Amino acid sequence: MAAVESNLVDLAGVSLETLRSMDGRVFATSLEELLRGIDQPLSSVSGFGPGRLD
């Protein structure tokens, strides 16, 4: 499977114990980008909006 390109921090393989001990400022940029993506999605995934898609 092809890798997904993202500016988010890759936490694969990081235990919760290790995550709790890390400085939260490391994740600030990723968190800001994630929240921006939630607030302003590139497209609608619900199918609800102006115009018909069929």
PDB file of N, CA and C in Angstrom:
ATOM      1  N   MET A   1       0.847  -1.170   0.000  1.00  0.00           N
ATOM      2  CA  MET A   1       0.000   0.000   0.000  1.00  0.00           C
ATOM      3  C   MET A   1       0.897   1.238   0.000  1.00  0.00           C
ATOM      4  N   ALA A   2       0.535   2.220  -0.796  1.00  0.00           N
ATOM      5  CA  ALA A   2       1.312   3.460  -0.884  1.00  0.00           C
ATOM      6  C   ALA A   2       1.164   4.275   0.398  1.00  0.00           C
ATOM      7  N   ALA A   3       2.228   4.949   0.756  1.00  0.00           N
ATOM      8  CA  ALA A   3       2.204   5.801   1.949  1.00  0.00           C
ATOM      9  C   ALA A   3       1.379   7.053   1.674  1.00  0.00           C
ATOM     10  N   VAL A   4       0.752   7.563   2.708  1.00  0.00           N
ATOM     11  CA  VAL A   4      -0.025   8.802   2.614  1.00  0.00           C
ATOM     12  C   VAL A   4       0.876   9.942   3.047  1.00  0.00           C
ATOM     13  N   GLU A   5       0.983  10.956   2.190  1.00  0.00           N
ATOM     14  CA  GLU A   5       1.803  12.113   2.532  1.00  0.00           C
ATOM     15  C   GLU A   5       1.020  13.041   3.448  1.00  0.00           C
ATOM     16  N   SER A   6       1.670  13.486   4.518  1.00  0.00           N
ATOM     17  CA  SER A   6       1.013  14.337   5.492  1.00  0.00           C
ATOM     18  C   SER A   6       2.069  15.094   6.280  1.00  0.00           C
ATOM     19  N   ASN A   7       1.700  16.264   6.763  1.00  0.00           N
ATOM     20  CA  ASN A   7       2.584  17.030   7.641  1.00  0.00           C
ATOM     21  C   ASN A   7       2.349  16.671   9.104  1.00  0.00           C
ATOM     22  N   LEU A   8       1.407  15.762   9.346  1.00  0.00           N
ATOM     23  CA  LEU A   8       1.117  15.354  10.716  1.00  0.00           C
ATOM     24  C   LEU A   8       2.219  14.455  11.251  1.00  0.00           C
ATOM     25  N   VAL A   9       2.442  14.498  12.544  1.00  0.00           N
ATOM     26  CA  VAL A   9       3.437  13.653  13.187  1.00  0.00           C
ATOM     27  C   VAL A   9       2.991  12.204  13.105  1.00  0.00           C
ATOM     28  N   ASP A  10       3.889  11.317  12.691  1.00  0.00           N
ATOM     29  CA  ASP A  10       3.591   9.889  12.601  1.00  0.00           C
ATOM     30  C   ASP A  10       3.805   9.247  13.968  1.00  0.00           C
ATOM     31  N   LEU A  11       2.724   8.802  14.584  1.00  0.00           N
ATOM     32  CA  LEU A  11       2.796   8.201  15.920  1.00  0.00           C
ATOM     33  C   LEU A  11       2.708   6.684  15.872  1.00  0.00           C
ATOM     34  N   ALA A  12       2.841   6.113  14.691  1.00  0.00           N
ATOM     35  CA  ALA A  12       2.804   4.654  14.567  1.00  0.00           C
ATOM     36  C   ALA A  12       3.934   4.062  15.405  1.00  0.00           C
ATOM     37  N   GLY A  13       3.595   3.124  16.224  1.00  0.00           N
ATOM     38  CA  GLY A  13       4.601   2.449  17.032  1.00  0.00           C
ATOM     39  C   GLY A  13       4.973   3.173  18.313  1.00  0.00           C
ATOM     40  N   VAL A  14       4.346   4.309  18.605  1.00  0.00           N
ATOM     41  CA  VAL A  14       4.636   5.047  19.834  1.00  0.00           C
ATOM     42  C   VAL A  14       3.628   4.631  20.898  1.00  0.00           C
ATOM     43  N   SER A  15       4.120   4.142  22.001  1.00  0.00           N
ATOM     44  CA  SER A  15       3.215   3.705  23.072  1.00  0.00           C
ATOM     45  C   SER A  15       2.598   4.917  23.767  1.00  0.00           C
ATOM     46  N   LEU A  16       1.465   4.684  24.408  1.00  0.00           N
ATOM     47  CA  LEU A  16       0.819   5.778  25.147  1.00  0.00           C
ATOM     48  C   LEU A  16       1.711   6.266  26.274  1.00  0.00           C
ATOM     49  N   GLU A  17       2.447   5.372  26.877  1.00  0.00           N
ATOM     50  CA  GLU A  17       3.363   5.753  27.965  1.00  0.00           C
ATOM     51  C   GLU A  17       4.435   6.712  27.434  1.00  0.00           C
ATOM     52  N   THR A  18       5.001   6.387  26.294  1.00  0.00           N
ATOM     53  CA  THR A  18       6.010   7.256  25.686  1.00  0.00           C
ATOM     54  C   THR A  18       5.385   8.579  25.273  1.00  0.00           C
ATOM     55  N   LEU A  19       4.216   8.524  24.707  1.00  0.00           N
ATOM     56  CA  LEU A  19       3.518   9.726  24.262  1.00  0.00           C
ATOM     57  C   LEU A  19       3.253  10.674  25.432  1.00  0.00           C
ATOM     58  N   ARG A  20       2.855  10.117  26.558  1.00  0.00           N
ATOM     59  CA  ARG A  20       2.581  10.949  27.744  1.00  0.00           C
ATOM     60  C   ARG A  20       3.838  11.653  28.245  1.00  0.00           C
ATOM     61  N   SER A  21       4.997  11.041  28.039  1.00  0.00           N
ATOM     62  CA  SER A  21       6.242  11.613  28.550  1.00  0.00           C
ATOM     63  C   SER A  21       6.866  12.635  27.599  1.00  0.00           C
ATOM     64  N   MET A  22       6.324  12.770  26.400  1.00  0.00           N
ATOM     65  CA  MET A  22       6.890  13.691  25.407  1.00  0.00           C
ATOM     66  C   MET A  22       6.383  15.116  25.616  1.00  0.00           C
ATOM     67  N   ASP A  23       7.192  16.073  25.194  1.00  0.00           N
ATOM     68  CA  ASP A  23       6.834  17.481  25.287  1.00  0.00           C
ATOM     69  C   ASP A  23       5.720  17.778  24.287  1.00  0.00           C
ATOM     70  N   GLY A  24       4.593  18.285  24.747  1.00  0.00           N
ATOM     71  CA  GLY A  24       3.435  18.557  23.906  1.00  0.00           C
ATOM     72  C   GLY A  24       3.690  19.591  22.825  1.00  0.00           C
ATOM     73  N   ARG A  25       4.709  20.443  23.008  1.00  0.00           N
ATOM     74  CA  ARG A  25       5.015  21.458  22.000  1.00  0.00           C
ATOM     75  C   ARG A  25       5.484  20.826  20.694  1.00  0.00           C
ATOM     76  N   VAL A  26       5.964  19.583  20.768  1.00  0.00           N
ATOM     77  CA  VAL A  26       6.408  18.864  19.567  1.00  0.00           C
ATOM     78  C   VAL A  26       5.241  18.666  18.615  1.00  0.00           C
ATOM     79  N   PHE A  27       4.046  18.534  19.158  1.00  0.00           N
ATOM     80  CA  PHE A  27       2.860  18.228  18.371  1.00  0.00           C
ATOM     81  C   PHE A  27       2.047  19.463  17.992  1.00  0.00           C
ATOM     82  N   ALA A  28       2.484  20.646  18.381  1.00  0.00           N
ATOM     83  CA  ALA A  28       1.687  21.863  18.175  1.00  0.00           C
ATOM     84  C   ALA A  28       1.349  22.104  16.706  1.00  0.00           C
ATOM     85  N   THR A  29       2.322  21.992  15.817  1.00  0.00           N
ATOM     86  CA  THR A  29       2.080  22.243  14.393  1.00  0.00           C
ATOM     87  C   THR A  29       1.112  21.223  13.824  1.00  0.00           C
ATOM     88  N   SER A  30       1.296  19.952  14.183  1.00  0.00           N
ATOM     89  CA  SER A  30       0.403  18.901  13.690  1.00  0.00           C
ATOM     90  C   SER A  30      -1.018  19.119  14.193  1.00  0.00           C
ATOM     91  N   LEU A  31      -1.156  19.486  15.449  1.00  0.00           N
ATOM     92  CA  LEU A  31      -2.481  19.712  16.018  1.00  0.00           C
ATOM     93  C   LEU A  31      -3.171  20.884  15.335  1.00  0.00           C
ATOM     94  N   GLU A  32      -2.430  21.962  15.087  1.00  0.00           N
ATOM     95  CA  GLU A  32      -3.004  23.116  14.398  1.00  0.00           C
ATOM     96  C   GLU A  32      -3.468  22.739  12.995  1.00  0.00           C
ATOM     97  N   GLU A  33      -2.667  21.957  12.273  1.00  0.00           N
ATOM     98  CA  GLU A  33      -3.048  21.534  10.924  1.00  0.00           C
ATOM     99  C   GLU A  33      -4.274  20.623  10.957  1.00  0.00           C
ATOM    100  N   LEU A  34      -4.314  19.719  11.911  1.00  0.00           N
ATOM    101  CA  LEU A  34      -5.455  18.821  12.053  1.00  0.00           C
ATOM    102  C   LEU A  34      -6.737  19.604  12.329  1.00  0.00           C
ATOM    103  N   LEU A  35      -6.677  20.542  13.254  1.00  0.00           N
ATOM    104  CA  LEU A  35      -7.853  21.345  13.588  1.00  0.00           C
ATOM    105  C   LEU A  35      -8.282  22.225  12.417  1.00  0.00           C
ATOM    106  N   ARG A  36      -7.326  22.764  11.671  1.00  0.00           N
ATOM    107  CA  ARG A  36      -7.648  23.577  10.488  1.00  0.00           C
ATOM    108  C   ARG A  36      -8.372  22.717   9.446  1.00  0.00           C
ATOM    109  N   GLY A  37      -7.929  21.469   9.284  1.00  0.00           N
ATOM    110  CA  GLY A  37      -8.574  20.562   8.345  1.00  0.00           C
ATOM    111  C   GLY A  37      -9.987  20.194   8.758  1.00  0.00           C
ATOM    112  N   ILE A  38     -10.226  20.128  10.049  1.00  0.00           N
ATOM    113  CA  ILE A  38     -11.565  19.837  10.556  1.00  0.00           C
ATOM    114  C   ILE A  38     -12.474  21.041  10.350  1.00  0.00           C
ATOM    115  N   ASP A  39     -11.955  22.226  10.640  1.00  0.00           N
ATOM    116  CA  ASP A  39     -12.747  23.450  10.511  1.00  0.00           C
ATOM    117  C   ASP A  39     -13.012  23.829   9.058  1.00  0.00           C
ATOM    118  N   GLN A  40     -12.070  23.518   8.164  1.00  0.00           N
ATOM    119  CA  GLN A  40     -12.193  23.919   6.760  1.00  0.00           C
ATOM    120  C   GLN A  40     -11.857  22.734   5.856  1.00  0.00           C
ATOM    121  N   PRO A  41     -12.739  21.749   5.771  1.00  0.00           N
ATOM    122  CA  PRO A  41     -12.456  20.576   4.935  1.00  0.00           C
ATOM    123  C   PRO A  41     -12.365  20.966   3.455  1.00  0.00           C
ATOM    124  N   LEU A  42     -11.552  20.215   2.719  1.00  0.00           N
ATOM    125  CA  LEU A  42     -11.377  20.480   1.295  1.00  0.00           C
ATOM    126  C   LEU A  42     -12.623  20.132   0.495  1.00  0.00           C
ATOM    127  N   SER A  43     -13.398  19.148   0.962  1.00  0.00           N
ATOM    128  CA  SER A  43     -14.624  18.765   0.276  1.00  0.00           C
ATOM    129  C   SER A  43     -15.593  18.159   1.273  1.00  0.00           C
ATOM    130  N   SER A  44     -16.825  18.109   0.879  1.00  0.00           N
ATOM    131  CA  SER A  44     -17.864  17.539   1.726  1.00  0.00           C
ATOM    132  C   SER A  44     -17.860  16.016   1.611  1.00  0.00           C
ATOM    133  N   VAL A  45     -17.887  15.343   2.746  1.00  0.00           N
ATOM    134  CA  VAL A  45     -17.941  13.884   2.726  1.00  0.00           C
ATOM    135  C   VAL A  45     -19.341  13.378   3.034  1.00  0.00           C
ATOM    136  N   SER A  46     -20.244  14.281   3.370  1.00  0.00           N
ATOM    137  CA  SER A  46     -21.578  13.854   3.735  1.00  0.00           C
ATOM    138  C   SER A  46     -22.515  13.762   2.544  1.00  0.00           C
ATOM    139  N   GLY A  47     -22.154  14.395   1.451  1.00  0.00           N
ATOM    140  CA  GLY A  47     -23.029  14.409   0.289  1.00  0.00           C
ATOM    141  C   GLY A  47     -24.134  15.442   0.395  1.00  0.00           C
ATOM    142  N   PHE A  48     -24.154  16.199   1.463  1.00  0.00           N
ATOM    143  CA  PHE A  48     -25.173  17.223   1.644  1.00  0.00           C
ATOM    144  C   PHE A  48     -24.617  18.563   1.185  1.00  0.00           C
ATOM    145  N   GLY A  49     -25.307  19.201   0.323  1.00  0.00           N
ATOM    146  CA  GLY A  49     -24.859  20.503  -0.135  1.00  0.00           C
ATOM    147  C   GLY A  49     -25.654  20.918  -1.345  1.00  0.00           C
ATOM    148  N   PRO A  50     -25.330  22.097  -1.873  1.00  0.00           N
ATOM    149  CA  PRO A  50     -26.072  22.593  -3.034  1.00  0.00           C
ATOM    150  C   PRO A  50     -25.814  21.741  -4.268  1.00  0.00           C
ATOM    151  N   GLY A  51     -26.856  21.557  -5.025  1.00  0.00           N
ATOM    152  CA  GLY A  51     -26.730  20.808  -6.284  1.00  0.00           C
ATOM    153  C   GLY A  51     -26.858  19.318  -6.091  1.00  0.00           C
ATOM    154  N   ARG A  52     -27.214  18.647  -7.175  1.00  0.00           N
ATOM    155  CA  ARG A  52     -27.350  17.194  -7.136  1.00  0.00           C
ATOM    156  C   ARG A  52     -26.102  16.545  -7.688  1.00  0.00           C
ATOM    157  N   LEU A  53     -25.763  15.418  -7.167  1.00  0.00           N
ATOM    158  CA  LEU A  53     -24.574  14.700  -7.608  1.00  0.00           C
ATOM    159  C   LEU A  53     -24.907  13.514  -8.504  1.00  0.00           C
ATOM    160  N   ASP A  54     -26.202  13.235  -8.707  1.00  0.00           N
ATOM    161  CA  ASP A  54     -26.552  12.079  -9.518  1.00  0.00           C
ATOM    162  C   ASP A  54     -26.738  12.527 -10.902  1.00  0.00           C
TER     163      ASP A  54
END
